[in-house]
Amino acid sequence: MSRKKPTIVKVSERTINLLKTELKKRQLEGHYRIRIQVILLSSEGKTNPEISEQLKMSLPTAYRWRLRWSENSSSIIALENDHRENANRDLILIREINQSYQIVIEAALPVG
């Protein structure tokens, strides 16, 4: 039985640094912490089974967050490019990444 190749996760060095900075914050909500860890491990080339084992989460959860990042990474890259000249670009970018996550989360919630 062949396995699917994991979804490729594209993350710039700048975004990796921002995500690592976010992980250091004590007030970061647990669900964001897990999602950031999935993205960072994915960017290091870890497979979904390796991520789920390391983070003690289900395999479908690792797959889902990896896929959601990949589906939305083009908008995050565009945000990076838009804010490249802004003095507060990192703060603005991380806020917009969080906002993008919130939109993805709300879209995934069951209706009714």
Protein backbone atom coordinates (compact mmCIF):
# COMPACT_ATOMS: atom_id res chain seq x y z
CA MET A 1 0.00 0.00 0.00
CA SER A 2 1.48 3.34 -1.01
CA ARG A 3 1.15 6.39 1.16
CA LYS A 4 0.29 9.85 -0.03
CA LYS A 5 3.16 12.29 -0.06
CA PRO A 6 2.68 14.93 2.64
CA THR A 7 1.39 18.30 1.53
CA ILE A 8 4.33 20.59 0.86
CA VAL A 9 4.53 23.44 3.34
CA LYS A 10 6.10 26.64 2.06
CA VAL A 11 7.31 28.93 4.80
CA SER A 12 9.73 31.82 4.38
CA GLU A 13 12.57 32.34 6.85
CA ARG A 14 10.89 35.52 8.02
CA THR A 15 7.63 33.71 8.74
CA ILE A 16 9.51 30.91 10.50
CA ASN A 17 11.18 33.49 12.73
CA LEU A 18 7.84 35.17 13.45
CA LEU A 19 6.20 31.86 14.29
CA LYS A 20 9.07 30.91 16.60
CA THR A 21 8.73 34.29 18.32
CA GLU A 22 5.01 33.68 18.78
CA LEU A 23 5.73 30.27 20.35
CA LYS A 24 7.81 31.97 23.05
CA LYS A 25 4.87 34.05 24.25
CA ARG A 26 3.36 32.81 27.48
CA GLN A 27 -0.10 34.13 26.68
CA LEU A 28 -0.37 32.27 23.35
CA GLU A 29 -3.49 30.12 23.35
CA GLY A 30 -2.86 26.37 23.28
CA HIS A 31 -4.56 25.72 19.96
CA TYR A 32 -2.44 28.37 18.23
CA ARG A 33 0.70 26.92 19.83
CA ILE A 34 -0.09 23.46 18.41
CA ARG A 35 -0.85 24.84 14.94
CA ILE A 36 2.39 26.80 14.85
CA GLN A 37 4.32 23.72 15.92
CA VAL A 38 2.71 21.70 13.11
CA ILE A 39 3.74 24.34 10.56
CA LEU A 40 7.29 24.59 11.87
CA LEU A 41 7.78 20.82 11.95
CA SER A 42 6.27 20.54 8.48
CA SER A 43 8.66 23.18 7.19
CA GLU A 44 11.53 21.06 8.56
CA GLY A 45 10.37 18.17 6.38
CA LYS A 46 8.72 16.09 9.11
CA THR A 47 5.95 13.76 7.99
CA ASN A 48 2.43 13.83 9.41
CA PRO A 49 3.01 10.61 11.44
CA GLU A 50 6.23 12.09 12.88
CA ILE A 51 4.42 15.33 13.76
CA SER A 52 1.45 13.56 15.34
CA GLU A 53 3.78 11.39 17.42
CA GLN A 54 6.01 14.28 18.52
CA LEU A 55 3.10 16.56 19.44
CA LYS A 56 0.94 13.71 20.80
CA MET A 57 -1.97 14.53 18.51
CA SER A 58 -4.04 12.52 16.10
CA LEU A 59 -2.78 11.97 12.59
CA PRO A 60 -5.87 13.63 11.02
CA THR A 61 -5.22 16.77 13.10
CA ALA A 62 -1.62 17.02 11.87
CA TYR A 63 -2.81 16.46 8.31
CA ARG A 64 -5.59 19.05 8.60
CA TRP A 65 -3.37 21.88 9.88
CA ARG A 66 -0.65 21.13 7.39
CA LEU A 67 -3.21 21.21 4.57
CA ARG A 68 -4.86 24.42 5.82
CA TRP A 69 -1.51 26.20 5.95
CA SER A 70 -0.71 25.06 2.42
CA GLU A 71 -4.09 26.21 1.14
CA ASN A 72 -3.58 29.67 2.65
CA SER A 73 0.17 30.13 2.31
CA SER A 74 -0.13 32.14 -0.90
CA SER A 75 -2.15 34.82 0.91
CA ILE A 76 0.41 34.89 3.73
CA ILE A 77 3.26 35.25 1.21
CA ALA A 78 1.34 38.13 -0.38
CA LEU A 79 0.96 39.75 3.06
CA GLU A 80 4.72 39.45 3.59
CA ASN A 81 5.40 41.15 0.27
CA ASP A 82 2.84 43.90 0.93
CA HIS A 83 4.36 44.76 4.31
CA ARG A 84 8.03 44.48 3.40
CA GLU A 85 8.54 48.25 3.57
CA ASN A 86 6.50 48.87 6.68
CA ALA A 87 8.40 49.67 9.90
CA ASN A 88 5.91 47.61 11.92
CA ARG A 89 5.69 44.87 9.30
CA ASP A 90 6.36 41.92 11.60
CA LEU A 91 3.68 42.93 14.08
CA ILE A 92 1.21 43.63 11.30
CA LEU A 93 2.07 40.38 9.54
CA ILE A 94 1.61 38.21 12.63
CA ARG A 95 -1.74 39.89 13.34
CA GLU A 96 -2.87 39.20 9.79
CA ILE A 97 -1.64 35.60 9.96
CA ASN A 98 -3.69 35.15 13.14
CA GLN A 99 -6.66 36.77 11.42
CA SER A 100 -6.25 34.42 8.45
CA TYR A 101 -6.18 31.48 10.86
CA GLN A 102 -9.41 32.71 12.46
CA ILE A 103 -11.11 32.89 9.05
CA VAL A 104 -9.97 29.35 8.25
CA ILE A 105 -11.20 28.12 11.65
CA GLU A 106 -14.60 29.75 11.23
CA ALA A 107 -14.94 28.32 7.71
CA ALA A 108 -14.24 24.84 9.09
CA LEU A 109 -16.87 25.01 11.84
CA PRO A 110 -20.07 23.05 11.20
CA VAL A 111 -23.08 25.15 10.28
CA GLY A 112 -26.27 24.76 12.21
